[in-house]
């Protein structure tokens, strides 16, 4: 049921809001300046995807070089991509949300909010059996006596 609300919002409410805002802005500044603003936001989206995406990629690579998992950097990269895509969609409401996704401080807040809402569970978690039941695995090193060099 929850997904239907999101789909309703995505396919009905957002386009209606965008059309309303386009009509209002077009009435205030005229049709050609409105179209120019829409094209400018699309170009800005492309430029910011390239610049911010490259910076996010560099931060992720630096984390990997330090031996750390770049989870935050990758999620920030997803926000950059989302922001750029929203800037490419014609409309002022999606442009506003897209610009928010591209502001580093707001993006970090969004990543932290998203991480707080995610519930991570192990994929291959096997139930632990009580001691003494089932097969046991012993780890260690071994060598054969005939492979060893003779002792003096």
N, C-alpha and C. Protein backbone atom coordinates (compact mmCIF):
# COMPACT_ATOMS: atom_id res chain seq x y z
N UNK A 1 0.81 -1.19 0.00
CA UNK A 1 0.00 0.00 0.00
C UNK A 1 0.86 1.26 0.00
N UNK A 2 2.01 1.19 0.70
CA UNK A 2 2.87 2.34 0.80
C UNK A 2 3.46 2.72 -0.56
N UNK A 3 3.75 1.74 -1.38
CA UNK A 3 4.33 2.02 -2.68
C UNK A 3 3.34 2.74 -3.60
N UNK A 4 2.05 2.47 -3.44
CA UNK A 4 1.04 3.14 -4.25
C UNK A 4 0.98 4.63 -3.93
N UNK A 5 1.19 4.98 -2.67
CA UNK A 5 1.24 6.39 -2.31
C UNK A 5 2.42 7.09 -2.97
N UNK A 6 3.56 6.42 -2.99
CA UNK A 6 4.75 7.00 -3.63
C UNK A 6 4.55 7.12 -5.14
N UNK A 7 3.93 6.12 -5.74
CA UNK A 7 3.67 6.19 -7.18
C UNK A 7 2.68 7.30 -7.51
N UNK A 8 1.66 7.46 -6.67
CA UNK A 8 0.70 8.55 -6.85
C UNK A 8 1.42 9.89 -6.79
N UNK A 9 2.27 10.03 -5.79
CA UNK A 9 3.04 11.26 -5.65
C UNK A 9 3.94 11.50 -6.86
N UNK A 10 4.59 10.46 -7.30
CA UNK A 10 5.57 10.58 -8.39
C UNK A 10 4.91 10.89 -9.72
N UNK A 11 3.83 10.23 -10.05
CA UNK A 11 3.25 10.34 -11.38
C UNK A 11 2.08 11.32 -11.51
N UNK A 12 1.51 11.75 -10.41
CA UNK A 12 0.38 12.68 -10.50
C UNK A 12 0.69 14.01 -9.83
N UNK A 13 1.11 13.97 -8.59
CA UNK A 13 1.29 15.20 -7.83
C UNK A 13 2.49 16.00 -8.34
N UNK A 14 3.63 15.35 -8.57
CA UNK A 14 4.83 16.07 -9.01
C UNK A 14 4.62 16.73 -10.38
N UNK A 15 4.12 16.02 -11.40
CA UNK A 15 3.89 16.73 -12.67
C UNK A 15 2.86 17.87 -12.56
N UNK A 16 1.83 17.67 -11.75
CA UNK A 16 0.84 18.74 -11.58
C UNK A 16 1.49 19.96 -10.92
N UNK A 17 2.33 19.74 -9.93
CA UNK A 17 3.05 20.83 -9.28
C UNK A 17 3.99 21.52 -10.27
N UNK A 18 4.68 20.74 -11.07
CA UNK A 18 5.60 21.32 -12.06
C UNK A 18 4.85 22.17 -13.08
N UNK A 19 3.72 21.70 -13.57
CA UNK A 19 2.93 22.47 -14.53
C UNK A 19 2.43 23.76 -13.89
N UNK A 20 1.96 23.66 -12.66
CA UNK A 20 1.49 24.85 -11.95
C UNK A 20 2.61 25.88 -11.82
N UNK A 21 3.79 25.42 -11.39
CA UNK A 21 4.91 26.35 -11.23
C UNK A 21 5.38 26.93 -12.56
N UNK A 22 5.38 26.13 -13.62
CA UNK A 22 5.76 26.64 -14.94
C UNK A 22 4.80 27.73 -15.41
N UNK A 23 3.51 27.54 -15.19
CA UNK A 23 2.53 28.54 -15.58
C UNK A 23 2.71 29.82 -14.76
N UNK A 24 2.92 29.67 -13.44
CA UNK A 24 3.09 30.84 -12.58
C UNK A 24 4.37 31.61 -12.95
N UNK A 25 5.48 30.90 -13.09
CA UNK A 25 6.74 31.57 -13.42
C UNK A 25 6.66 32.17 -14.82
N UNK A 26 6.07 31.44 -15.76
CA UNK A 26 5.90 31.97 -17.11
C UNK A 26 5.05 33.22 -17.13
N UNK A 27 4.04 33.28 -16.27
CA UNK A 27 3.20 34.47 -16.17
C UNK A 27 3.94 35.65 -15.57
N UNK A 28 4.88 35.38 -14.69
CA UNK A 28 5.63 36.46 -14.05
C UNK A 28 6.75 37.00 -14.93
N UNK A 29 7.53 36.10 -15.54
CA UNK A 29 8.71 36.57 -16.28
C UNK A 29 8.60 36.38 -17.79
N UNK A 30 7.59 35.67 -18.25
CA UNK A 30 7.41 35.44 -19.67
C UNK A 30 7.84 34.03 -20.07
N UNK A 31 7.40 33.64 -21.28
CA UNK A 31 7.65 32.27 -21.74
C UNK A 31 9.13 32.03 -22.06
N UNK A 32 9.76 32.95 -22.81
CA UNK A 32 11.16 32.73 -23.21
C UNK A 32 12.12 32.73 -22.03
N UNK A 33 12.00 33.65 -21.09
CA UNK A 33 12.88 33.56 -19.92
C UNK A 33 12.65 32.28 -19.11
N UNK A 34 11.42 31.81 -19.06
CA UNK A 34 11.13 30.55 -18.35
C UNK A 34 11.82 29.39 -19.04
N UNK A 35 11.72 29.33 -20.38
CA UNK A 35 12.41 28.27 -21.12
C UNK A 35 13.92 28.37 -20.95
N UNK A 36 14.44 29.59 -20.93
CA UNK A 36 15.87 29.79 -20.73
C UNK A 36 16.31 29.29 -19.36
N UNK A 37 15.50 29.56 -18.34
CA UNK A 37 15.81 29.05 -16.99
C UNK A 37 15.81 27.52 -16.96
N UNK A 38 14.86 26.91 -17.63
CA UNK A 38 14.79 25.45 -17.67
C UNK A 38 16.02 24.86 -18.37
N UNK A 39 16.44 25.48 -19.48
CA UNK A 39 17.63 24.99 -20.19
C UNK A 39 18.89 25.22 -19.37
N UNK A 40 18.96 26.35 -18.69
CA UNK A 40 20.10 26.65 -17.84
C UNK A 40 20.22 25.64 -16.70
N UNK A 41 19.09 25.27 -16.12
CA UNK A 41 19.13 24.28 -15.03
C UNK A 41 19.56 22.91 -15.54
N UNK A 42 19.19 22.56 -16.77
CA UNK A 42 19.63 21.28 -17.34
C UNK A 42 21.14 21.29 -17.57
N UNK A 43 21.67 22.39 -18.09
CA UNK A 43 23.11 22.50 -18.30
C UNK A 43 23.84 22.48 -16.96
N UNK A 44 23.30 23.19 -15.98
CA UNK A 44 23.88 23.18 -14.64
C UNK A 44 23.88 21.77 -14.07
N UNK A 45 22.81 21.03 -14.30
CA UNK A 45 22.76 19.64 -13.83
C UNK A 45 23.84 18.79 -14.44
N UNK A 46 24.08 18.94 -15.72
CA UNK A 46 25.13 18.15 -16.38
C UNK A 46 26.50 18.50 -15.83
N UNK A 47 26.76 19.79 -15.67
CA UNK A 47 28.07 20.23 -15.16
C UNK A 47 28.27 19.74 -13.73
N UNK A 48 27.23 19.89 -12.90
CA UNK A 48 27.37 19.49 -11.50
C UNK A 48 27.48 17.98 -11.34
N UNK A 49 26.83 17.22 -12.20
CA UNK A 49 26.99 15.76 -12.15
C UNK A 49 28.45 15.42 -12.42
N UNK A 50 29.04 16.06 -13.41
CA UNK A 50 30.43 15.75 -13.75
C UNK A 50 31.38 16.15 -12.62
N UNK A 51 31.24 17.38 -12.13
CA UNK A 51 32.17 17.87 -11.11
C UNK A 51 31.97 17.14 -9.78
N UNK A 52 30.74 17.15 -9.27
CA UNK A 52 30.48 16.52 -7.98
C UNK A 52 30.65 15.00 -8.06
N UNK A 53 30.28 14.41 -9.19
CA UNK A 53 30.49 12.96 -9.36
C UNK A 53 31.96 12.60 -9.35
N UNK A 54 32.78 13.41 -10.00
CA UNK A 54 34.22 13.16 -9.99
C UNK A 54 34.78 13.28 -8.58
N UNK A 55 34.34 14.31 -7.84
CA UNK A 55 34.81 14.46 -6.46
C UNK A 55 34.37 13.30 -5.58
N UNK A 56 33.14 12.84 -5.75
CA UNK A 56 32.66 11.69 -4.97
C UNK A 56 33.47 10.43 -5.32
N UNK A 57 33.79 10.27 -6.60
CA UNK A 57 34.59 9.13 -7.04
C UNK A 57 35.99 9.20 -6.42
N UNK A 58 36.58 10.39 -6.37
CA UNK A 58 37.91 10.54 -5.77
C UNK A 58 37.89 10.22 -4.29
N UNK A 59 36.85 10.67 -3.58
CA UNK A 59 36.74 10.36 -2.15
C UNK A 59 36.57 8.86 -1.92
N UNK A 60 35.78 8.21 -2.77
CA UNK A 60 35.60 6.76 -2.64
C UNK A 60 36.91 6.04 -2.92
N UNK A 61 37.65 6.46 -3.92
CA UNK A 61 38.95 5.84 -4.23
C UNK A 61 39.93 6.04 -3.10
N UNK A 62 39.92 7.23 -2.49
CA UNK A 62 40.82 7.50 -1.36
C UNK A 62 40.47 6.61 -0.18
N UNK A 63 39.18 6.38 0.06
CA UNK A 63 38.77 5.49 1.15
C UNK A 63 39.24 4.07 0.89
N UNK A 64 39.09 3.62 -0.36
CA UNK A 64 39.56 2.27 -0.69
C UNK A 64 41.07 2.17 -0.54
N UNK A 65 41.80 3.21 -0.90
CA UNK A 65 43.25 3.19 -0.76
C UNK A 65 43.67 3.13 0.70
N UNK A 66 42.87 3.70 1.60
CA UNK A 66 43.15 3.62 3.03
C UNK A 66 42.68 2.30 3.63
N UNK A 67 42.05 1.46 2.82
CA UNK A 67 41.57 0.17 3.31
C UNK A 67 40.22 0.25 3.99
N UNK A 68 39.47 1.31 3.74
CA UNK A 68 38.16 1.49 4.35
C UNK A 68 37.08 1.23 3.30
N UNK A 69 35.93 0.82 3.77
CA UNK A 69 34.78 0.63 2.88
C UNK A 69 34.16 1.99 2.59
N UNK A 70 34.05 2.38 1.32
CA UNK A 70 33.57 3.73 1.00
C UNK A 70 32.04 3.83 0.93
N UNK A 71 31.36 3.34 1.94
CA UNK A 71 29.89 3.33 1.92
C UNK A 71 29.32 4.74 1.87
N UNK A 72 29.81 5.63 2.73
CA UNK A 72 29.28 6.99 2.74
C UNK A 72 29.56 7.70 1.43
N UNK A 73 30.75 7.50 0.90
CA UNK A 73 31.11 8.16 -0.35
C UNK A 73 30.25 7.66 -1.51
N UNK A 74 29.97 6.36 -1.51
CA UNK A 74 29.13 5.81 -2.58
C UNK A 74 27.69 6.31 -2.47
N UNK A 75 27.18 6.41 -1.25
CA UNK A 75 25.83 6.96 -1.08
C UNK A 75 25.78 8.44 -1.47
N UNK A 76 26.86 9.16 -1.17
CA UNK A 76 26.91 10.55 -1.62
C UNK A 76 26.92 10.61 -3.15
N UNK A 77 27.59 9.67 -3.79
CA UNK A 77 27.58 9.61 -5.24
C UNK A 77 26.19 9.35 -5.79
N UNK A 78 25.41 8.53 -5.09
CA UNK A 78 24.02 8.29 -5.50
C UNK A 78 23.21 9.57 -5.38
N UNK A 79 23.43 10.33 -4.31
CA UNK A 79 22.73 11.60 -4.16
C UNK A 79 23.13 12.58 -5.26
N UNK A 80 24.41 12.60 -5.64
CA UNK A 80 24.86 13.47 -6.73
C UNK A 80 24.15 13.09 -8.02
N UNK A 81 24.10 11.81 -8.30
CA UNK A 81 23.44 11.35 -9.52
C UNK A 81 21.95 11.70 -9.50
N UNK A 82 21.31 11.48 -8.37
CA UNK A 82 19.89 11.83 -8.23
C UNK A 82 19.67 13.33 -8.43
N UNK A 83 20.54 14.13 -7.82
CA UNK A 83 20.41 15.58 -7.97
C UNK A 83 20.58 16.02 -9.41
N UNK A 84 21.54 15.44 -10.11
CA UNK A 84 21.74 15.79 -11.51
C UNK A 84 20.57 15.38 -12.38
N UNK A 85 20.03 14.20 -12.12
CA UNK A 85 18.87 13.73 -12.89
C UNK A 85 17.67 14.65 -12.64
N UNK A 86 17.48 15.06 -11.39
CA UNK A 86 16.37 15.96 -11.07
C UNK A 86 16.55 17.32 -11.75
N UNK A 87 17.79 17.77 -11.91
CA UNK A 87 18.03 19.02 -12.61
C UNK A 87 17.76 18.88 -14.11
N UNK A 88 17.92 17.70 -14.65
CA UNK A 88 17.66 17.48 -16.07
C UNK A 88 16.17 17.42 -16.38
N UNK A 89 15.36 17.04 -15.40
CA UNK A 89 13.91 16.98 -15.60
C UNK A 89 13.37 18.41 -15.63
N UNK A 90 12.61 18.77 -16.66
CA UNK A 90 12.11 20.14 -16.73
C UNK A 90 11.11 20.45 -15.62
N UNK A 91 11.38 21.49 -14.89
CA UNK A 91 10.48 21.92 -13.82
C UNK A 91 11.26 22.55 -12.70
N UNK A 92 10.59 23.43 -11.96
CA UNK A 92 11.28 24.17 -10.91
C UNK A 92 11.31 23.43 -9.58
N UNK A 93 10.30 22.63 -9.28
CA UNK A 93 10.29 21.88 -8.02
C UNK A 93 11.38 20.81 -8.03
N UNK A 94 11.49 20.06 -9.14
CA UNK A 94 12.54 19.05 -9.23
C UNK A 94 13.92 19.70 -9.26
N UNK A 95 14.02 20.89 -9.86
CA UNK A 95 15.30 21.61 -9.85
C UNK A 95 15.71 21.99 -8.43
N UNK A 96 14.76 22.43 -7.63
CA UNK A 96 15.06 22.82 -6.25
C UNK A 96 15.55 21.61 -5.45
N UNK A 97 14.87 20.48 -5.58
CA UNK A 97 15.29 19.27 -4.87
C UNK A 97 16.63 18.79 -5.41
N UNK A 98 16.83 18.88 -6.72
CA UNK A 98 18.10 18.48 -7.32
C UNK A 98 19.25 19.32 -6.83
N UNK A 99 19.05 20.62 -6.71
CA UNK A 99 20.11 21.48 -6.18
C UNK A 99 20.41 21.16 -4.73
N UNK A 100 19.38 20.85 -3.96
CA UNK A 100 19.62 20.46 -2.56
C UNK A 100 20.47 19.20 -2.48
N UNK A 101 20.24 18.26 -3.40
CA UNK A 101 21.04 17.02 -3.40
C UNK A 101 22.50 17.28 -3.75
N UNK A 102 22.78 18.38 -4.42
CA UNK A 102 24.14 18.68 -4.86
C UNK A 102 24.91 19.57 -3.89
N UNK A 103 24.25 20.08 -2.86
CA UNK A 103 24.94 20.87 -1.83
C UNK A 103 25.55 19.87 -0.85
N UNK A 104 26.90 19.89 -0.68
CA UNK A 104 27.55 18.86 0.14
C UNK A 104 27.00 18.71 1.55
N UNK A 105 26.72 19.79 2.26
CA UNK A 105 26.22 19.68 3.64
C UNK A 105 24.84 19.03 3.66
N UNK A 106 23.97 19.42 2.74
CA UNK A 106 22.62 18.85 2.66
C UNK A 106 22.71 17.39 2.24
N UNK A 107 23.62 17.10 1.32
CA UNK A 107 23.79 15.72 0.85
C UNK A 107 24.23 14.82 2.00
N UNK A 108 25.16 15.29 2.84
CA UNK A 108 25.61 14.47 3.98
C UNK A 108 24.47 14.23 4.96
N UNK A 109 23.64 15.25 5.17
CA UNK A 109 22.47 15.07 6.04
C UNK A 109 21.53 14.02 5.45
N UNK A 110 21.33 14.07 4.14
CA UNK A 110 20.47 13.08 3.48
C UNK A 110 21.03 11.67 3.59
N UNK A 111 22.34 11.53 3.45
CA UNK A 111 22.97 10.21 3.57
C UNK A 111 22.81 9.69 4.99
N UNK A 112 23.04 10.55 5.98
CA UNK A 112 22.90 10.11 7.38
C UNK A 112 21.44 9.74 7.69
N UNK A 113 20.50 10.52 7.16
CA UNK A 113 19.09 10.20 7.36
C UNK A 113 18.76 8.85 6.74
N UNK A 114 19.25 8.63 5.53
CA UNK A 114 18.99 7.37 4.84
C UNK A 114 19.61 6.20 5.59
N UNK A 115 20.83 6.36 6.07
CA UNK A 115 21.48 5.28 6.83
C UNK A 115 20.74 5.00 8.13
N UNK A 116 20.16 6.01 8.73
CA UNK A 116 19.40 5.81 9.96
C UNK A 116 18.10 5.05 9.73
N UNK A 117 17.57 5.13 8.52
CA UNK A 117 16.31 4.45 8.20
C UNK A 117 16.53 3.04 7.67
N UNK A 118 17.73 2.74 7.21
CA UNK A 118 17.99 1.42 6.66
C UNK A 118 18.20 0.41 7.78
N UNK A 119 17.69 -0.76 7.59
CA UNK A 119 17.93 -1.86 8.51
C UNK A 119 18.74 -2.89 7.75
N UNK A 120 19.99 -3.05 8.15
CA UNK A 120 20.87 -3.98 7.45
C UNK A 120 20.86 -5.33 8.15
N UNK A 121 20.67 -6.37 7.38
CA UNK A 121 20.71 -7.72 7.92
C UNK A 121 21.69 -8.54 7.10
N UNK A 122 22.42 -9.45 7.74
CA UNK A 122 23.35 -10.29 6.99
C UNK A 122 22.60 -11.18 6.01
N UNK A 123 23.19 -11.40 4.85
CA UNK A 123 22.53 -12.18 3.81
C UNK A 123 22.68 -13.67 4.07
N UNK A 124 23.86 -14.12 4.40
CA UNK A 124 24.13 -15.55 4.55
C UNK A 124 24.34 -15.94 6.01
N UNK A 125 23.54 -15.42 6.88
CA UNK A 125 23.71 -15.74 8.29
C UNK A 125 23.15 -17.12 8.57
N UNK A 126 24.01 -17.99 9.09
CA UNK A 126 23.59 -19.35 9.43
C UNK A 126 23.30 -19.39 10.92
N UNK A 127 22.30 -20.16 11.31
CA UNK A 127 22.02 -20.26 12.75
C UNK A 127 23.18 -20.94 13.48
N UNK A 128 23.49 -20.44 14.65
CA UNK A 128 24.57 -20.98 15.46
C UNK A 128 24.02 -22.14 16.27
N UNK A 129 24.68 -23.29 16.14
CA UNK A 129 24.22 -24.46 16.90
C UNK A 129 24.91 -24.48 18.26
N UNK A 130 24.23 -25.02 19.26
CA UNK A 130 24.86 -25.14 20.58
C UNK A 130 26.12 -26.00 20.51
N UNK A 131 27.01 -25.80 21.46
CA UNK A 131 28.29 -26.52 21.46
C UNK A 131 28.07 -28.02 21.49
N UNK A 132 28.84 -28.72 20.69
CA UNK A 132 28.77 -30.17 20.67
C UNK A 132 27.83 -30.72 19.62
N UNK A 133 27.02 -29.90 18.98
CA UNK A 133 26.10 -30.39 17.97
C UNK A 133 26.61 -30.03 16.58
N UNK A 134 26.47 -30.92 15.66
CA UNK A 134 26.82 -30.64 14.27
C UNK A 134 28.33 -30.68 14.04
N UNK A 135 28.72 -30.47 12.79
CA UNK A 135 30.15 -30.53 12.46
C UNK A 135 30.89 -29.33 13.03
N UNK A 136 32.16 -29.58 13.34
CA UNK A 136 33.02 -28.52 13.85
C UNK A 136 34.18 -28.34 12.89
N UNK A 137 34.64 -27.14 12.76
CA UNK A 137 35.79 -26.85 11.92
C UNK A 137 36.91 -26.35 12.81
N UNK A 138 38.04 -27.02 12.69
CA UNK A 138 39.23 -26.60 13.42
C UNK A 138 40.19 -26.00 12.43
N UNK A 139 40.71 -24.84 12.76
CA UNK A 139 41.65 -24.19 11.86
C UNK A 139 43.04 -24.30 12.45
N UNK A 140 44.04 -24.42 11.56
CA UNK A 140 45.42 -24.47 12.01
C UNK A 140 46.34 -24.78 10.85
N UNK A 141 47.62 -24.90 11.15
CA UNK A 141 48.63 -25.23 10.14
C UNK A 141 49.12 -26.65 10.39
N UNK A 142 49.56 -27.29 9.34
CA UNK A 142 50.11 -28.62 9.49
C UNK A 142 51.25 -28.79 8.51
N UNK A 143 52.09 -29.77 8.79
CA UNK A 143 53.15 -30.16 7.85
C UNK A 143 53.41 -31.64 8.05
N UNK A 144 53.88 -32.27 7.01
CA UNK A 144 54.19 -33.70 7.10
C UNK A 144 55.62 -33.88 7.58
N UNK A 145 55.83 -34.93 8.32
CA UNK A 145 57.16 -35.19 8.86
C UNK A 145 58.18 -35.41 7.76
N UNK A 146 57.80 -36.10 6.67
CA UNK A 146 58.77 -36.39 5.62
C UNK A 146 59.12 -35.14 4.81
N UNK A 147 58.30 -34.08 4.90
CA UNK A 147 58.59 -32.85 4.18
C UNK A 147 59.57 -31.95 4.93
N UNK A 148 59.74 -32.22 6.23
CA UNK A 148 60.62 -31.36 7.03
C UNK A 148 62.08 -31.72 6.76
N UNK A 149 62.94 -30.73 6.86
CA UNK A 149 64.38 -31.05 6.73
C UNK A 149 64.86 -31.82 7.96
N UNK A 150 65.85 -32.66 7.80
CA UNK A 150 66.35 -33.44 8.96
C UNK A 150 66.92 -32.53 10.03
N UNK A 151 66.71 -32.95 11.29
CA UNK A 151 67.23 -32.17 12.43
C UNK A 151 68.69 -32.56 12.67
N UNK A 152 69.52 -31.59 13.02
CA UNK A 152 70.95 -31.92 13.27
C UNK A 152 71.16 -32.60 14.59
